[in-house]
Amino acid sequence: MTDFSTIYKLCLLTVTCCIQACSSSSRCPAVECWLVQDHVSRRGATTQEKSLLHIRTDANSRDAASEQIPSDINPDRVFFITDPAATLCHQSLSPPTRGSLQKAQCEISPFLHQLSKLKWVAPLTVTGFSPVYLQADWFSAALLGLNKQLVISSIMRAPTATKEPNVILSVSSKTVSIQARLGKPVLLDCGFWVDPSSPLSGSGFAVEWRYQFSGKGRLVLAYDGKTDRVADTQEEGATLDFEGLHQKGNASLILQEEVATGTYICIVHLPYLQGQVAVELEIVEPPSLSIHPSPLPLAVPGQTLVVQCEASGFAPVSLELSWEFKGADGKSRPLESASVTGHRQAWDGTYDQSTRLELDTSNLGTGGELTCVAVHPGGTRRASTSLSVIGFGSPSIEDSMAMVGVALVLYGLIKFVSWTFSSSGTDVADKVEKKEK
């Protein structure tokens, strides 16, 4: 009986440990954050203070660990955030390992709700009266996970004078930085979640995607989810998964055409609220190489050949062009006497560049392989052509065999011509002799 009791206690202890381990592993991370606020005495200035965000999926799930406050953080700057969707519980927001210099980036600041006058957002607030629900403390939080795995924008509501906000709207993307090929379709991830218990959730939503590059911007697509209408300004080839948008909050942008390097901004609107995330898209197109002239003409020792390598259709602009020469011994060596032209931009946003090489054949032996090398973020590309230098020193085995072959052909041709003339002369002599007889 004693043994059975011992086994029972051990099993119970094991189960308890497993439960604690599971709950510990599933606990949302405490995120270090900067609280950014307007300076009360200086207009236009802001202040930054260290703060701490304790994330929980249930308002009643506060535990002893969440009560711990680091010594360098003011207790008034600790927030207990309830996020039922667990968007803020992503592993990329977890505290870094000891000694690591990398950690998630976070900013939290007071949020001012306001009425939007955009025509695809206006139907969400047709009454024009702010609900009593808005009378609270509102905050916005922007978070960037480690290694840019995730970017989140959350709008939160807290009862006045408390530090326990609830997430009302979360907008996130898993494609913080993405590369694409020119002319290929691309998917820019964006998802959102709305607290179903919020009075604002039943009033509909609106989604818009905007593009910015070099200080200029444009609207790519706008959609009014309440009336199920797409704005007339939609760009050709840009679309959404409308079924997934309504059922799962999938606001990802699908681009079939007009894919360009720049910043794409996903903005989700609720009545009086909006959250947005930015996605950096870079077109990476490796260059196409061509060598001129190709093939190279025969050269003699001491002759200078001018060779040009053209790199075209590449993006982004960063490119390194160089030359290599592989001799008859199979060894490669760089050639340093090349010049490089400036970049030229094509109509499709790609670039062209060329390099010019003055090739001195004095030290190239009997020739070899000349290669143009282009190192680019899209990959390394090579283009090669052969070079033959004649009249250099003693002939190689191949040259000797070629000369023997030529000599045999010439000898045979001479013998053939000699035999033809001899035969012709003999025939004429025979005819003359017959006439005389």
Protein backbone atom coordinates (compact mmCIF):
# COMPACT_ATOMS: atom_id res chain seq x y z
CA MET A 1 0.00 0.00 0.00
CA THR A 2 2.90 2.31 0.82
CA ASP A 3 4.50 1.63 -2.57
CA PHE A 4 1.24 2.45 -4.34
CA SER A 5 0.97 5.72 -2.41
CA THR A 6 4.53 6.65 -3.35
CA ILE A 7 3.90 5.91 -7.03
CA TYR A 8 0.69 7.96 -6.90
CA LYS A 9 2.51 10.94 -5.39
CA LEU A 10 5.30 10.71 -7.97
CA CYS A 11 2.77 10.63 -10.82
CA LEU A 12 0.91 13.58 -9.36
CA LEU A 13 4.17 15.53 -9.00
CA THR A 14 5.13 14.72 -12.59
CA VAL A 15 1.77 15.88 -13.95
CA THR A 16 1.99 19.08 -11.90
CA CYS A 17 5.49 19.82 -13.22
CA CYS A 18 4.35 19.19 -16.79
CA ILE A 19 1.41 21.54 -16.37
CA GLN A 20 3.65 24.23 -14.90
CA ALA A 21 6.19 23.76 -17.66
CA CYS A 22 3.52 23.99 -20.34
CA SER A 23 1.97 27.09 -18.80
CA SER A 24 5.41 28.64 -18.42
CA SER A 25 6.35 27.92 -22.04
CA SER A 26 3.04 29.33 -23.27
CA ARG A 27 3.27 32.49 -21.13
CA CYS A 28 3.45 35.64 -23.21
CA PRO A 29 6.76 37.52 -23.01
CA ALA A 30 7.25 40.70 -21.04
CA VAL A 31 8.34 43.25 -23.63
CA GLU A 32 10.62 46.15 -22.87
CA CYS A 33 9.24 49.24 -24.54
CA TRP A 34 9.76 52.99 -24.87
CA LEU A 35 6.91 55.17 -23.70
CA VAL A 36 6.85 58.17 -26.05
CA GLN A 37 4.80 61.21 -25.01
CA ASP A 38 4.54 64.86 -25.89
CA HIS A 39 6.57 67.09 -23.61
CA VAL A 40 4.18 69.10 -21.43
CA SER A 41 6.33 72.26 -21.29
CA ARG A 42 7.86 72.30 -24.76
CA ARG A 43 5.55 72.31 -27.75
CA GLY A 44 6.46 69.80 -30.44
CA ALA A 45 9.01 68.02 -28.24
CA THR A 46 8.64 64.45 -26.99
CA THR A 47 9.98 62.42 -24.11
CA GLN A 48 11.05 58.78 -23.97
CA GLU A 49 10.89 56.63 -20.87
CA LYS A 50 11.57 52.97 -20.32
CA SER A 51 8.43 50.94 -19.82
CA LEU A 52 7.44 47.30 -19.59
CA LEU A 53 4.52 45.51 -21.26
CA HIS A 54 3.19 42.41 -19.52
CA ILE A 55 1.10 40.55 -22.09
CA ARG A 56 -1.71 38.18 -21.17
CA THR A 57 -4.50 36.58 -23.15
CA ASP A 58 -6.94 36.69 -20.22
CA ALA A 59 -7.53 39.69 -17.99
CA ASN A 60 -7.61 37.39 -14.94
CA SER A 61 -4.38 35.53 -15.70
CA ARG A 62 -1.94 37.82 -13.86
CA ASP A 63 0.69 35.76 -12.02
CA ALA A 64 3.57 36.37 -9.66
CA ALA A 65 6.07 36.66 -12.51
CA SER A 66 4.14 39.59 -13.98
CA GLU A 67 4.44 41.47 -10.69
CA GLN A 68 8.24 41.63 -10.97
CA ILE A 69 9.44 45.05 -12.08
CA PRO A 70 13.07 45.77 -13.12
CA SER A 71 14.85 48.32 -10.97
CA ASP A 72 15.47 50.68 -13.90
CA ILE A 73 11.76 51.00 -14.77
CA ASN A 74 9.30 53.28 -13.00
CA PRO A 75 6.34 51.23 -11.67
CA ASP A 76 4.02 53.84 -13.21
CA ARG A 77 5.42 52.84 -16.60
CA VAL A 78 4.39 49.18 -16.41
CA PHE A 79 1.39 48.15 -18.52
CA PHE A 80 -0.68 44.98 -18.14
CA ILE A 81 -2.07 44.37 -21.62
CA THR A 82 -4.84 41.90 -22.40
CA ASP A 83 -4.56 40.50 -25.93
CA PRO A 84 -7.10 37.69 -26.53
CA ALA A 85 -5.78 37.11 -30.05
CA ALA A 86 -2.24 36.54 -28.66
CA THR A 87 -0.75 38.59 -31.48
CA LEU A 88 1.68 40.14 -29.00
CA CYS A 89 2.76 36.70 -27.76
CA HIS A 90 4.88 35.96 -30.82
CA GLN A 91 8.23 34.29 -30.08
CA SER A 92 10.15 37.05 -31.91
CA LEU A 93 9.11 39.44 -29.11
CA SER A 94 10.63 37.26 -26.38
CA PRO A 95 13.45 38.77 -24.31
CA PRO A 96 16.90 38.12 -25.84
CA THR A 97 19.32 35.64 -24.38
CA ARG A 98 21.87 36.91 -21.89
CA GLY A 99 24.66 38.80 -23.64
CA SER A 100 22.71 39.28 -26.85
CA LEU A 101 22.75 42.76 -28.37
CA GLN A 102 19.60 42.17 -30.38
CA LYS A 103 16.12 42.54 -29.00
CA ALA A 104 12.65 43.38 -30.17
CA GLN A 105 11.87 47.04 -30.83
CA CYS A 106 8.83 48.56 -29.17
CA GLU A 107 7.21 51.96 -28.75
CA ILE A 108 3.97 52.76 -26.94
CA SER A 109 2.33 56.17 -26.91
CA PRO A 110 -1.01 57.82 -26.22
CA PHE A 111 -3.41 57.48 -29.15
CA LEU A 112 -5.80 60.20 -30.30
CA HIS A 113 -8.89 58.78 -31.96
CA GLN A 114 -10.39 60.90 -34.71
CA LEU A 115 -12.95 60.95 -37.49
CA SER A 116 -11.60 59.99 -40.94
CA LYS A 117 -12.80 61.92 -43.98
CA LEU A 118 -11.63 59.37 -46.54
CA LYS A 119 -14.54 58.40 -48.75
CA TRP A 120 -13.97 54.67 -48.24
CA VAL A 121 -13.86 55.15 -44.44
CA ALA A 122 -16.73 57.65 -44.06
CA PRO A 123 -19.49 54.97 -44.14
CA LEU A 124 -18.12 53.59 -40.85
CA THR A 125 -19.13 56.77 -38.99
CA VAL A 126 -22.30 57.92 -40.71
CA THR A 127 -23.83 59.30 -37.48
CA GLY A 128 -20.95 61.67 -36.82
CA PHE A 129 -21.35 61.28 -33.04
CA SER A 130 -18.52 59.86 -30.94
CA PRO A 131 -19.74 57.00 -28.76
CA VAL A 132 -19.28 57.07 -24.99
CA TYR A 133 -17.06 54.02 -25.48
CA LEU A 134 -14.29 56.32 -26.72
CA GLN A 135 -14.11 58.12 -23.38
CA ALA A 136 -11.08 56.24 -22.04
CA ASP A 137 -7.29 56.23 -22.25
CA TRP A 138 -6.17 55.02 -25.66
CA PHE A 139 -2.69 53.80 -26.58
CA SER A 140 -0.97 52.68 -29.74
CA ALA A 141 1.95 50.25 -29.71
CA ALA A 142 4.34 49.54 -32.57
CA LEU A 143 6.52 46.42 -32.28
CA LEU A 144 9.17 44.90 -34.51
CA GLY A 145 10.25 41.34 -33.75
CA LEU A 146 13.77 39.96 -33.80
CA ASN A 147 15.24 39.52 -37.29
CA LYS A 148 12.21 41.35 -38.70
CA GLN A 149 10.05 38.26 -38.33
CA LEU A 150 6.97 40.30 -37.47
CA VAL A 151 5.74 43.88 -37.30
CA ILE A 152 2.66 44.77 -35.22
CA SER A 153 0.56 47.85 -34.71
CA SER A 154 -1.94 47.61 -31.84
CA ILE A 155 -4.60 50.08 -30.73
CA MET A 156 -5.55 49.60 -27.07
CA ARG A 157 -8.20 50.96 -24.73
CA ALA A 158 -7.68 51.32 -20.97
CA PRO A 159 -10.16 52.54 -18.38
CA THR A 160 -9.25 56.10 -17.45
CA ALA A 161 -6.18 56.46 -15.21
CA THR A 162 -5.30 52.76 -15.35
CA LYS A 163 -2.42 50.89 -16.93
CA GLU A 164 -4.44 47.84 -17.97
CA PRO A 165 -5.36 48.34 -21.63
CA ASN A 166 -7.21 45.84 -23.80
CA VAL A 167 -6.20 45.34 -27.43
CA ILE A 168 -9.06 46.51 -29.67
CA LEU A 169 -7.33 46.40 -33.06
CA SER A 170 -4.14 44.62 -34.13
CA VAL A 171 -2.57 44.91 -37.58
CA SER A 172 0.46 42.73 -38.34
CA SER A 173 2.68 41.50 -41.16
CA LYS A 174 5.15 38.64 -41.47
CA THR A 175 6.78 40.11 -44.59
CA VAL A 176 8.50 43.10 -43.00
CA SER A 177 11.16 42.98 -45.70
CA ILE A 178 10.68 41.04 -48.92
CA GLN A 179 12.51 40.63 -52.21
CA ALA A 180 10.88 39.94 -55.56
CA ARG A 181 11.86 39.47 -59.20
CA LEU A 182 10.89 42.02 -61.80
CA GLY A 183 7.54 41.27 -63.40
CA LYS A 184 6.78 38.35 -61.07
CA PRO A 185 3.65 38.25 -58.84
CA VAL A 186 4.25 39.02 -55.17
CA LEU A 187 2.21 38.67 -51.98
CA LEU A 188 2.56 41.32 -49.25
CA ASP A 189 1.30 39.88 -45.98
CA CYS A 190 -1.07 41.84 -43.76
CA GLY A 191 -3.57 40.57 -41.22
CA PHE A 192 -5.79 42.24 -38.65
CA TRP A 193 -7.86 41.30 -35.62
CA VAL A 194 -10.71 43.23 -34.00
CA ASP A 195 -11.96 42.57 -30.48
CA PRO A 196 -15.44 41.09 -31.03
CA SER A 197 -16.60 42.44 -27.65
CA SER A 198 -15.88 46.03 -28.71
CA PRO A 199 -18.88 48.11 -29.85
CA LEU A 200 -16.74 49.27 -32.77
CA SER A 201 -16.43 45.77 -34.22
CA GLY A 202 -20.00 45.71 -35.55
CA SER A 203 -19.65 48.93 -37.55
CA GLY A 204 -17.50 47.44 -40.30
CA PHE A 205 -13.95 48.11 -41.41
CA ALA A 206 -11.97 49.57 -44.31
CA VAL A 207 -8.59 48.61 -45.76
CA GLU A 208 -6.19 50.61 -47.87
CA TRP A 209 -2.73 49.97 -49.29
CA ARG A 210 -0.41 52.86 -50.09
CA TYR A 211 2.97 53.02 -51.83
CA GLN A 212 5.85 55.36 -50.98
CA PHE A 213 9.27 55.79 -52.53
CA SER A 214 11.74 58.69 -52.60
CA GLY A 215 9.31 61.05 -50.91
CA LYS A 216 6.45 60.34 -53.32
CA GLY A 217 3.39 58.24 -52.63
CA ARG A 218 0.21 56.96 -54.20
CA LEU A 219 -2.85 54.92 -53.35
CA VAL A 220 -2.64 51.33 -54.60
CA LEU A 221 -5.98 49.95 -53.41
CA ALA A 222 -8.80 50.96 -51.05
CA TYR A 223 -11.71 48.80 -49.95
CA ASP A 224 -14.82 49.63 -47.92
CA GLY A 225 -15.67 46.45 -46.04
CA LYS A 226 -19.01 47.80 -44.84
CA THR A 227 -20.47 48.38 -48.31
CA ASP A 228 -18.21 45.81 -50.04
CA ARG A 229 -16.87 48.31 -52.55
CA VAL A 230 -13.41 48.89 -54.03
CA ALA A 231 -12.38 52.48 -54.67
CA ASP A 232 -12.07 53.58 -58.29
CA THR A 233 -8.39 54.38 -57.75
CA GLN A 234 -7.41 50.69 -57.62
CA GLU A 235 -4.24 50.02 -59.61
CA GLU A 236 -4.30 47.39 -62.31
CA GLY A 237 -3.01 44.04 -61.10
CA ALA A 238 -3.54 44.85 -57.38
CA THR A 239 -6.16 42.82 -55.51
CA LEU A 240 -7.17 41.29 -52.17
CA ASP A 241 -8.54 37.93 -51.10
CA PHE A 242 -11.96 39.37 -50.24
CA GLU A 243 -13.33 36.13 -48.80
CA GLY A 244 -10.30 35.73 -46.53
CA LEU A 245 -10.50 39.42 -45.69
CA HIS A 246 -13.97 39.10 -44.16
CA GLN A 247 -13.59 35.64 -42.64
CA LYS A 248 -10.02 35.67 -41.33
CA GLY A 249 -8.90 39.31 -41.40
CA ASN A 250 -6.49 38.56 -44.25
CA ALA A 251 -5.72 41.93 -45.83
CA SER A 252 -2.68 40.73 -47.82
CA LEU A 253 -2.04 42.56 -51.08
CA ILE A 254 -1.55 40.55 -54.26
CA LEU A 255 0.47 42.35 -56.94
CA GLN A 256 0.45 40.95 -60.46
CA GLU A 257 1.83 44.03 -62.21
CA GLU A 258 3.52 47.35 -61.37
CA VAL A 259 5.79 45.70 -58.79
CA ALA A 260 8.35 48.31 -57.76
CA THR A 261 10.91 48.84 -55.04
CA GLY A 262 9.52 50.90 -52.18
CA THR A 263 7.43 50.91 -48.99
CA TYR A 264 3.92 49.45 -49.07
CA ILE A 265 1.70 50.49 -46.14
CA CYS A 266 -1.26 48.39 -44.99
CA ILE A 267 -3.84 50.52 -43.14
CA VAL A 268 -6.91 49.07 -41.42
CA HIS A 269 -9.69 51.43 -40.31
CA LEU A 270 -12.35 51.01 -37.66
CA PRO A 271 -14.71 53.82 -36.67
CA TYR A 272 -12.42 56.54 -35.24
CA LEU A 273 -9.43 54.13 -35.11
CA GLN A 274 -6.72 53.01 -37.49
CA GLY A 275 -3.67 50.77 -37.33
CA GLN A 276 -0.97 50.40 -39.94
CA VAL A 277 2.17 48.42 -40.74
CA ALA A 278 4.82 49.01 -43.40
CA VAL A 279 6.33 46.39 -45.70
CA GLU A 280 9.62 47.06 -47.49
CA LEU A 281 9.71 45.55 -50.98
CA GLU A 282 12.92 45.40 -52.98
CA ILE A 283 13.15 44.31 -56.59
CA VAL A 284 16.25 42.14 -56.97
CA GLU A 285 17.06 41.35 -60.58
CA PRO A 286 20.50 39.89 -61.46
CA PRO A 287 22.33 41.35 -64.48
CA SER A 288 22.62 39.92 -67.97
CA LEU A 289 26.21 40.01 -69.27
CA SER A 290 27.58 40.30 -72.79
CA ILE A 291 31.17 40.70 -74.01
CA HIS A 292 32.12 42.72 -77.12
CA PRO A 293 33.70 41.73 -79.39
CA SER A 294 32.98 38.04 -79.06
CA PRO A 295 34.70 35.94 -80.19
CA LEU A 296 37.92 37.90 -79.77
CA PRO A 297 40.14 38.29 -82.86
CA LEU A 298 43.49 36.52 -83.06
CA ALA A 299 46.22 38.49 -81.34
CA VAL A 300 50.00 38.61 -81.42
CA PRO A 301 52.28 39.18 -78.40
CA GLY A 302 52.43 42.83 -77.42
CA GLN A 303 49.15 43.72 -79.07
CA THR A 304 46.51 45.60 -77.02
CA LEU A 305 42.91 44.43 -77.35
CA VAL A 306 40.00 46.60 -76.20
CA VAL A 307 37.22 44.47 -74.70
CA GLN A 308 33.94 45.67 -73.20
CA CYS A 309 31.50 43.88 -70.89
CA GLU A 310 27.92 45.15 -70.68
CA ALA A 311 25.77 44.42 -67.59
CA SER A 312 22.11 45.18 -68.22
CA GLY A 313 18.69 44.84 -66.62
CA PHE A 314 19.79 44.63 -62.97
CA ALA A 315 18.32 46.01 -59.74
CA PRO A 316 19.15 47.29 -57.16
CA VAL A 317 21.93 49.56 -58.35
CA SER A 318 24.78 47.97 -56.33
CA LEU A 319 27.06 46.00 -58.68
CA GLU A 320 30.75 45.08 -58.81
CA LEU A 321 32.31 44.37 -62.20
CA SER A 322 35.72 42.75 -62.65
CA TRP A 323 37.78 40.68 -65.12
CA GLU A 324 39.56 37.34 -64.77
CA PHE A 325 41.93 35.49 -67.08
CA LYS A 326 42.55 31.74 -67.07
CA GLY A 327 45.71 30.70 -68.89
CA ALA A 328 46.68 27.43 -70.54
CA ASP A 329 47.90 26.18 -67.14
CA GLY A 330 44.31 26.36 -65.80
CA LYS A 331 45.09 29.02 -63.20
CA SER A 332 42.91 32.14 -62.91
CA ARG A 333 44.12 35.61 -62.00
CA PRO A 334 42.39 38.98 -61.78
CA LEU A 335 43.01 41.73 -64.32
CA GLU A 336 43.25 45.20 -62.80
CA SER A 337 43.43 47.62 -65.74
CA ALA A 338 39.69 47.98 -66.35
CA SER A 339 37.52 51.09 -66.15
CA VAL A 340 33.84 51.18 -65.20
CA THR A 341 31.18 53.54 -66.52
CA GLY A 342 28.38 55.15 -64.50
CA HIS A 343 24.92 53.63 -64.12
CA ARG A 344 22.20 54.19 -66.69
CA GLN A 345 18.57 53.66 -65.64
CA ALA A 346 16.17 51.98 -68.05
CA TRP A 347 12.44 52.66 -68.45
CA ASP A 348 11.50 49.69 -66.23
CA GLY A 349 13.59 50.91 -63.28
CA THR A 350 16.52 48.53 -63.88
CA TYR A 351 20.08 49.68 -64.50
CA ASP A 352 22.85 49.19 -67.07
CA GLN A 353 26.59 49.50 -66.53
CA SER A 354 29.67 48.51 -68.51
CA THR A 355 33.37 47.93 -67.95
CA ARG A 356 36.15 48.49 -70.50
CA LEU A 357 39.37 46.49 -70.48
CA GLU A 358 42.57 47.30 -72.40
CA LEU A 359 44.15 43.87 -72.58
CA ASP A 360 47.92 43.67 -73.08
CA THR A 361 48.72 40.29 -74.63
CA SER A 362 52.45 40.40 -73.76
CA ASN A 363 52.11 38.21 -70.68
CA LEU A 364 49.19 35.99 -71.69
CA GLY A 365 51.17 33.16 -73.25
CA THR A 366 49.31 31.42 -76.04
CA GLY A 367 45.97 32.73 -74.78
CA GLY A 368 43.22 31.35 -72.60
CA GLU A 369 39.77 32.27 -71.32
CA LEU A 370 38.76 35.85 -70.53
CA THR A 371 35.84 36.20 -68.05
CA CYS A 372 33.72 39.17 -67.01
CA VAL A 373 32.42 38.78 -63.43
CA ALA A 374 29.42 40.67 -62.00
CA VAL A 375 28.76 40.44 -58.23
CA HIS A 376 25.21 41.50 -57.37
CA PRO A 377 22.71 40.97 -54.50
CA GLY A 378 20.70 38.84 -56.92
CA GLY A 379 23.67 36.52 -57.50
CA THR A 380 27.04 36.35 -59.24
CA ARG A 381 27.02 36.20 -63.04
CA ARG A 382 29.88 35.35 -65.44
CA ALA A 383 30.44 35.70 -69.18
CA SER A 384 33.51 34.22 -70.90
CA THR A 385 35.20 34.30 -74.27
CA SER A 386 38.37 32.63 -75.59
CA LEU A 387 41.57 34.44 -76.53
CA SER A 388 44.25 33.06 -78.87
CA VAL A 389 47.72 34.60 -79.11
CA ILE A 390 49.73 33.45 -82.15
CA GLY A 391 53.49 33.65 -82.73
CA PHE A 392 54.36 33.19 -79.09
CA GLY A 393 57.69 31.35 -78.39
CA SER A 394 57.90 27.65 -79.22
CA PRO A 395 54.69 26.09 -80.54
CA SER A 396 52.58 23.95 -78.28
CA ILE A 397 51.69 20.33 -79.06
CA GLU A 398 48.36 21.46 -80.44
CA ASP A 399 50.04 24.11 -82.61
CA SER A 400 52.62 21.57 -83.81
CA MET A 401 49.94 19.08 -84.76
CA ALA A 402 48.02 21.84 -86.53
CA MET A 403 51.14 22.88 -88.47
CA VAL A 404 51.88 19.26 -89.42
CA GLY A 405 48.33 18.93 -90.64
CA VAL A 406 48.60 22.09 -92.71
CA ALA A 407 51.94 20.92 -94.14
CA LEU A 408 50.47 17.57 -95.15
CA VAL A 409 47.55 19.28 -96.84
CA LEU A 410 49.85 21.63 -98.71
CA TYR A 411 52.13 18.74 -99.72
CA GLY A 412 49.19 16.75 -100.99
CA LEU A 413 47.87 19.74 -102.90
CA ILE A 414 51.28 20.35 -104.50
CA LYS A 415 51.57 16.68 -105.50
CA PHE A 416 48.07 16.72 -106.93
CA VAL A 417 48.76 19.85 -109.03
CA SER A 418 52.12 18.43 -110.16
CA TRP A 419 50.54 15.14 -111.13
CA THR A 420 47.76 16.94 -113.02
CA PHE A 421 50.21 19.00 -115.03
CA SER A 422 52.43 15.97 -115.67
CA SER A 423 49.49 13.95 -116.94
CA SER A 424 48.34 16.80 -119.15
CA GLY A 425 51.84 17.23 -120.65
CA THR A 426 52.16 13.51 -121.38
CA ASP A 427 48.80 13.48 -123.20
CA VAL A 428 49.80 16.41 -125.40
CA ALA A 429 53.14 14.78 -126.30
CA ASP A 430 51.41 11.55 -127.25
CA LYS A 431 48.97 13.37 -129.55
CA VAL A 432 51.81 15.24 -131.30
CA GLU A 433 53.75 12.03 -131.80
CA LYS A 434 50.72 10.31 -133.35
CA LYS A 435 50.17 13.20 -135.82
CA GLU A 436 53.77 13.05 -136.92
CA LYS A 437 53.44 9.38 -137.65
